[in-house]
Amino acid sequence: MVMFNIMSARNLAQLLKIPFKMVSRTLRSVLNVPENESQPARLFHLSFRDFLQDSQRCSDSRFQVDKKERHTSLFRKCMAHISQLQETICDLSGPGVLITEIPDDTI
């Protein structure tokens, strides 16, 4: 509800650490989830986002979205994901290695 850049439902599930089926089936009522898992999932109506972020309009606190809190949560999840990445995906000895110096079976 607060993301500026859209992503695929598969990536969203990975980022949020929830099962893909939850995104693809449960959220299908508010998200357009394409059959192709690599295509981005989008809100059907942007006004729905506005509604959930406005405590005056959305009176049920279970559904209200605190924009600042969600951005902070997304930032933390992104940082946690980034911290799990390998420093070099080809186990290179350091920066500046030419691609011609990397064995073909490593690439």
N, C-alpha and C. Protein backbone atom coordinates (compact mmCIF):
# COMPACT_ATOMS: atom_id res chain seq x y z
N MET A 1 0.81 -1.21 0.00
CA MET A 1 0.00 0.00 0.00
C MET A 1 0.85 1.27 0.00
N VAL A 2 2.13 1.15 0.36
CA VAL A 2 2.94 2.36 0.44
C VAL A 2 4.14 2.37 -0.49
N MET A 3 4.32 1.31 -1.24
CA MET A 3 5.49 1.23 -2.11
C MET A 3 5.37 2.19 -3.29
N PHE A 4 6.48 2.86 -3.60
CA PHE A 4 6.50 3.77 -4.74
C PHE A 4 6.73 3.00 -6.03
N ASN A 5 7.59 2.00 -5.96
CA ASN A 5 7.88 1.17 -7.13
C ASN A 5 7.20 -0.17 -6.94
N ILE A 6 6.54 -0.61 -7.98
CA ILE A 6 5.82 -1.87 -7.90
C ILE A 6 6.77 -3.04 -8.12
N MET A 7 6.38 -4.21 -7.65
CA MET A 7 7.19 -5.39 -7.84
C MET A 7 6.27 -6.58 -8.09
N SER A 8 6.87 -7.67 -8.50
CA SER A 8 6.06 -8.86 -8.75
C SER A 8 5.53 -9.42 -7.44
N ALA A 9 4.46 -10.16 -7.53
CA ALA A 9 3.87 -10.79 -6.35
C ALA A 9 4.86 -11.76 -5.72
N ARG A 10 5.64 -12.45 -6.53
CA ARG A 10 6.66 -13.39 -6.03
C ARG A 10 7.70 -12.64 -5.20
N ASN A 11 8.20 -11.52 -5.72
CA ASN A 11 9.19 -10.74 -4.99
C ASN A 11 8.60 -10.11 -3.73
N LEU A 12 7.36 -9.67 -3.82
CA LEU A 12 6.67 -9.11 -2.66
C LEU A 12 6.56 -10.16 -1.55
N ALA A 13 6.20 -11.36 -1.91
CA ALA A 13 6.10 -12.44 -0.93
C ALA A 13 7.46 -12.72 -0.29
N GLN A 14 8.51 -12.73 -1.09
CA GLN A 14 9.86 -12.96 -0.55
C GLN A 14 10.26 -11.84 0.39
N LEU A 15 10.01 -10.61 0.01
CA LEU A 15 10.38 -9.48 0.84
C LEU A 15 9.64 -9.50 2.17
N LEU A 16 8.35 -9.80 2.12
CA LEU A 16 7.53 -9.81 3.33
C LEU A 16 7.63 -11.12 4.11
N LYS A 17 8.32 -12.10 3.51
CA LYS A 17 8.47 -13.43 4.11
C LYS A 17 7.11 -14.06 4.43
N ILE A 18 6.26 -14.01 3.41
CA ILE A 18 4.96 -14.67 3.50
C ILE A 18 4.84 -15.59 2.29
N PRO A 19 4.03 -16.63 2.40
CA PRO A 19 3.88 -17.54 1.26
C PRO A 19 3.34 -16.83 0.02
N PHE A 20 3.86 -17.22 -1.13
CA PHE A 20 3.42 -16.63 -2.40
C PHE A 20 1.91 -16.80 -2.57
N LYS A 21 1.38 -17.94 -2.15
CA LYS A 21 -0.07 -18.18 -2.29
C LYS A 21 -0.88 -17.12 -1.55
N MET A 22 -0.35 -16.61 -0.43
CA MET A 22 -1.07 -15.58 0.32
C MET A 22 -1.18 -14.31 -0.51
N VAL A 23 -0.12 -13.96 -1.20
CA VAL A 23 -0.16 -12.77 -2.04
C VAL A 23 -1.04 -13.02 -3.25
N SER A 24 -0.81 -14.15 -3.91
CA SER A 24 -1.52 -14.40 -5.17
C SER A 24 -3.01 -14.71 -5.00
N ARG A 25 -3.38 -15.33 -3.91
CA ARG A 25 -4.80 -15.69 -3.72
C ARG A 25 -5.53 -14.73 -2.79
N THR A 26 -4.96 -14.50 -1.62
CA THR A 26 -5.64 -13.68 -0.62
C THR A 26 -5.75 -12.23 -1.03
N LEU A 27 -4.66 -11.68 -1.58
CA LEU A 27 -4.66 -10.26 -1.92
C LEU A 27 -5.20 -9.97 -3.31
N ARG A 28 -5.61 -11.00 -4.01
CA ARG A 28 -6.12 -10.83 -5.37
C ARG A 28 -7.36 -9.94 -5.41
N SER A 29 -8.04 -9.79 -4.29
CA SER A 29 -9.23 -8.94 -4.28
C SER A 29 -8.88 -7.46 -4.36
N VAL A 30 -7.64 -7.09 -3.96
CA VAL A 30 -7.24 -5.68 -4.02
C VAL A 30 -6.05 -5.46 -4.95
N LEU A 31 -5.35 -6.55 -5.29
CA LEU A 31 -4.20 -6.45 -6.19
C LEU A 31 -4.49 -7.16 -7.51
N ASN A 32 -4.04 -6.57 -8.57
CA ASN A 32 -4.06 -7.24 -9.86
C ASN A 32 -2.77 -8.04 -9.93
N VAL A 33 -2.87 -9.36 -9.73
CA VAL A 33 -1.70 -10.23 -9.73
C VAL A 33 -1.68 -10.99 -11.05
N PRO A 34 -0.76 -10.62 -11.96
CA PRO A 34 -0.71 -11.28 -13.26
C PRO A 34 -0.36 -12.76 -13.15
N GLU A 35 -0.79 -13.53 -14.14
CA GLU A 35 -0.45 -14.96 -14.18
C GLU A 35 1.06 -15.16 -14.25
N ASN A 36 1.74 -14.30 -15.02
CA ASN A 36 3.19 -14.34 -15.12
C ASN A 36 3.76 -13.77 -13.83
N GLU A 37 4.42 -14.62 -13.04
CA GLU A 37 4.88 -14.23 -11.71
C GLU A 37 5.96 -13.14 -11.73
N SER A 38 6.59 -12.92 -12.87
CA SER A 38 7.64 -11.90 -12.92
C SER A 38 7.08 -10.52 -13.22
N GLN A 39 5.81 -10.44 -13.62
CA GLN A 39 5.19 -9.15 -13.89
C GLN A 39 4.74 -8.51 -12.58
N PRO A 40 4.73 -7.18 -12.52
CA PRO A 40 4.39 -6.51 -11.26
C PRO A 40 2.92 -6.65 -10.88
N ALA A 41 2.71 -6.73 -9.57
CA ALA A 41 1.36 -6.71 -9.01
C ALA A 41 1.00 -5.25 -8.77
N ARG A 42 -0.23 -4.89 -9.06
CA ARG A 42 -0.67 -3.49 -8.92
C ARG A 42 -1.99 -3.43 -8.18
N LEU A 43 -2.21 -2.32 -7.50
CA LEU A 43 -3.51 -2.08 -6.88
C LEU A 43 -4.54 -1.88 -7.98
N PHE A 44 -5.75 -2.39 -7.75
CA PHE A 44 -6.82 -2.15 -8.71
C PHE A 44 -7.18 -0.67 -8.74
N HIS A 45 -7.30 -0.09 -7.54
CA HIS A 45 -7.71 1.32 -7.45
C HIS A 45 -6.78 2.05 -6.49
N LEU A 46 -6.11 3.08 -6.98
CA LEU A 46 -5.23 3.86 -6.12
C LEU A 46 -5.99 4.53 -4.99
N SER A 47 -7.26 4.77 -5.20
CA SER A 47 -8.07 5.40 -4.14
C SER A 47 -8.18 4.48 -2.92
N PHE A 48 -8.03 3.18 -3.13
CA PHE A 48 -8.06 2.24 -2.00
C PHE A 48 -6.89 2.52 -1.06
N ARG A 49 -5.72 2.80 -1.63
CA ARG A 49 -4.54 3.16 -0.83
C ARG A 49 -4.83 4.41 -0.02
N ASP A 50 -5.38 5.42 -0.68
CA ASP A 50 -5.70 6.67 0.00
C ASP A 50 -6.68 6.43 1.15
N PHE A 51 -7.66 5.59 0.90
CA PHE A 51 -8.66 5.28 1.92
C PHE A 51 -8.01 4.64 3.15
N LEU A 52 -7.15 3.65 2.94
CA LEU A 52 -6.52 2.94 4.06
C LEU A 52 -5.54 3.81 4.84
N GLN A 53 -4.98 4.80 4.19
CA GLN A 53 -4.00 5.66 4.86
C GLN A 53 -4.64 6.85 5.57
N ASP A 54 -5.93 7.02 5.41
CA ASP A 54 -6.63 8.14 6.03
C ASP A 54 -7.48 7.64 7.20
N SER A 55 -7.03 7.92 8.41
CA SER A 55 -7.74 7.41 9.60
C SER A 55 -9.13 8.01 9.74
N GLN A 56 -9.39 9.15 9.12
CA GLN A 56 -10.72 9.76 9.15
C GLN A 56 -11.70 8.96 8.29
N ARG A 57 -11.21 8.42 7.19
CA ARG A 57 -12.06 7.68 6.25
C ARG A 57 -12.14 6.20 6.62
N CYS A 58 -11.03 5.62 7.01
CA CYS A 58 -10.98 4.21 7.38
C CYS A 58 -11.04 4.11 8.89
N SER A 59 -12.21 3.90 9.41
CA SER A 59 -12.41 3.94 10.86
C SER A 59 -12.02 2.64 11.57
N ASP A 60 -11.85 1.56 10.85
CA ASP A 60 -11.47 0.28 11.45
C ASP A 60 -9.94 0.20 11.54
N SER A 61 -9.42 0.27 12.76
CA SER A 61 -7.98 0.32 12.97
C SER A 61 -7.25 -0.94 12.47
N ARG A 62 -7.97 -2.04 12.30
CA ARG A 62 -7.34 -3.27 11.79
C ARG A 62 -6.88 -3.11 10.35
N PHE A 63 -7.49 -2.18 9.62
CA PHE A 63 -7.19 -2.01 8.21
C PHE A 63 -6.40 -0.73 7.90
N GLN A 64 -6.28 0.15 8.89
CA GLN A 64 -5.57 1.40 8.67
C GLN A 64 -4.08 1.13 8.40
N VAL A 65 -3.52 1.91 7.51
CA VAL A 65 -2.11 1.78 7.15
C VAL A 65 -1.40 3.06 7.55
N ASP A 66 -0.47 2.92 8.50
CA ASP A 66 0.36 4.05 8.91
C ASP A 66 1.53 4.12 7.93
N LYS A 67 1.50 5.15 7.09
CA LYS A 67 2.47 5.28 6.00
C LYS A 67 3.91 5.29 6.53
N LYS A 68 4.18 6.07 7.55
CA LYS A 68 5.54 6.17 8.10
C LYS A 68 5.99 4.83 8.67
N GLU A 69 5.12 4.18 9.40
CA GLU A 69 5.44 2.88 10.00
C GLU A 69 5.70 1.82 8.91
N ARG A 70 4.88 1.82 7.86
CA ARG A 70 5.06 0.85 6.77
C ARG A 70 6.35 1.10 6.00
N HIS A 71 6.69 2.38 5.77
CA HIS A 71 7.94 2.69 5.07
C HIS A 71 9.13 2.22 5.90
N THR A 72 9.06 2.43 7.21
CA THR A 72 10.13 1.98 8.10
C THR A 72 10.24 0.47 8.06
N SER A 73 9.12 -0.20 8.09
CA SER A 73 9.12 -1.67 8.03
C SER A 73 9.69 -2.18 6.71
N LEU A 74 9.29 -1.56 5.61
CA LEU A 74 9.82 -1.95 4.30
C LEU A 74 11.33 -1.72 4.22
N PHE A 75 11.78 -0.61 4.76
CA PHE A 75 13.21 -0.31 4.78
C PHE A 75 13.96 -1.40 5.55
N ARG A 76 13.46 -1.76 6.71
CA ARG A 76 14.12 -2.80 7.52
C ARG A 76 14.14 -4.15 6.80
N LYS A 77 13.04 -4.48 6.16
CA LYS A 77 12.99 -5.75 5.42
C LYS A 77 13.98 -5.74 4.25
N CYS A 78 14.08 -4.61 3.56
CA CYS A 78 15.05 -4.49 2.46
C CYS A 78 16.47 -4.62 2.98
N MET A 79 16.77 -3.97 4.09
CA MET A 79 18.12 -4.05 4.67
C MET A 79 18.44 -5.48 5.13
N ALA A 80 17.46 -6.16 5.70
CA ALA A 80 17.67 -7.55 6.12
C ALA A 80 17.94 -8.42 4.89
N HIS A 81 17.22 -8.18 3.83
CA HIS A 81 17.41 -8.95 2.59
C HIS A 81 18.80 -8.67 2.00
N ILE A 82 19.17 -7.41 1.95
CA ILE A 82 20.47 -7.04 1.40
C ILE A 82 21.61 -7.64 2.22
N SER A 83 21.45 -7.69 3.53
CA SER A 83 22.52 -8.21 4.39
C SER A 83 22.76 -9.70 4.17
N GLN A 84 21.80 -10.38 3.56
CA GLN A 84 21.96 -11.81 3.29
C GLN A 84 22.62 -12.09 1.94
N LEU A 85 22.82 -11.05 1.15
CA LEU A 85 23.43 -11.24 -0.17
C LEU A 85 24.93 -11.47 -0.03
N GLN A 86 25.48 -12.22 -0.97
CA GLN A 86 26.92 -12.44 -0.99
C GLN A 86 27.60 -11.17 -1.45
N GLU A 87 28.83 -10.97 -0.95
CA GLU A 87 29.57 -9.79 -1.36
C GLU A 87 29.88 -9.84 -2.84
N THR A 88 30.30 -11.00 -3.30
CA THR A 88 30.55 -11.18 -4.73
C THR A 88 29.91 -12.50 -5.16
N ILE A 89 29.07 -12.43 -6.16
CA ILE A 89 28.34 -13.62 -6.56
C ILE A 89 29.21 -14.64 -7.28
N CYS A 90 30.38 -14.22 -7.75
CA CYS A 90 31.29 -15.15 -8.44
C CYS A 90 32.51 -15.47 -7.58
N ASP A 91 32.44 -15.17 -6.28
CA ASP A 91 33.57 -15.39 -5.36
C ASP A 91 34.85 -14.76 -5.89
N LEU A 92 34.75 -13.52 -6.31
CA LEU A 92 35.90 -12.81 -6.85
C LEU A 92 36.85 -12.42 -5.72
N SER A 93 38.12 -12.27 -6.05
CA SER A 93 39.13 -11.92 -5.04
C SER A 93 39.02 -10.46 -4.61
N GLY A 94 38.44 -9.63 -5.42
CA GLY A 94 38.30 -8.22 -5.08
C GLY A 94 37.63 -7.46 -6.20
N PRO A 95 37.40 -6.17 -5.99
CA PRO A 95 36.77 -5.35 -7.03
C PRO A 95 37.72 -5.12 -8.20
N GLY A 96 37.17 -4.86 -9.34
CA GLY A 96 37.98 -4.53 -10.51
C GLY A 96 38.47 -5.72 -11.31
N VAL A 97 37.95 -6.91 -11.02
CA VAL A 97 38.34 -8.09 -11.79
C VAL A 97 37.64 -8.04 -13.14
N LEU A 98 38.39 -8.26 -14.19
CA LEU A 98 37.81 -8.26 -15.53
C LEU A 98 37.02 -9.54 -15.75
N ILE A 99 35.96 -9.44 -16.52
CA ILE A 99 35.13 -10.61 -16.81
C ILE A 99 35.94 -11.69 -17.52
N THR A 100 36.94 -11.28 -18.27
CA THR A 100 37.79 -12.26 -18.97
C THR A 100 38.66 -13.06 -18.01
N GLU A 101 38.80 -12.58 -16.78
CA GLU A 101 39.61 -13.26 -15.77
C GLU A 101 38.77 -14.29 -14.98
N ILE A 102 37.47 -14.29 -15.21
CA ILE A 102 36.57 -15.20 -14.48
C ILE A 102 36.32 -16.42 -15.34
N PRO A 103 36.54 -17.62 -14.79
CA PRO A 103 36.27 -18.84 -15.58
C PRO A 103 34.82 -18.90 -16.05
N ASP A 104 34.60 -19.41 -17.25
CA ASP A 104 33.25 -19.50 -17.82
C ASP A 104 32.30 -20.30 -16.94
N ASP A 105 32.79 -21.35 -16.30
CA ASP A 105 31.91 -22.18 -15.47
C ASP A 105 31.49 -21.46 -14.18
N THR A 106 32.19 -20.39 -13.81
CA THR A 106 31.81 -19.60 -12.63
C THR A 106 30.72 -18.61 -12.98
N ILE A 107 30.76 -18.09 -14.20
CA ILE A 107 29.77 -17.10 -14.61
C ILE A 107 28.48 -17.74 -14.80
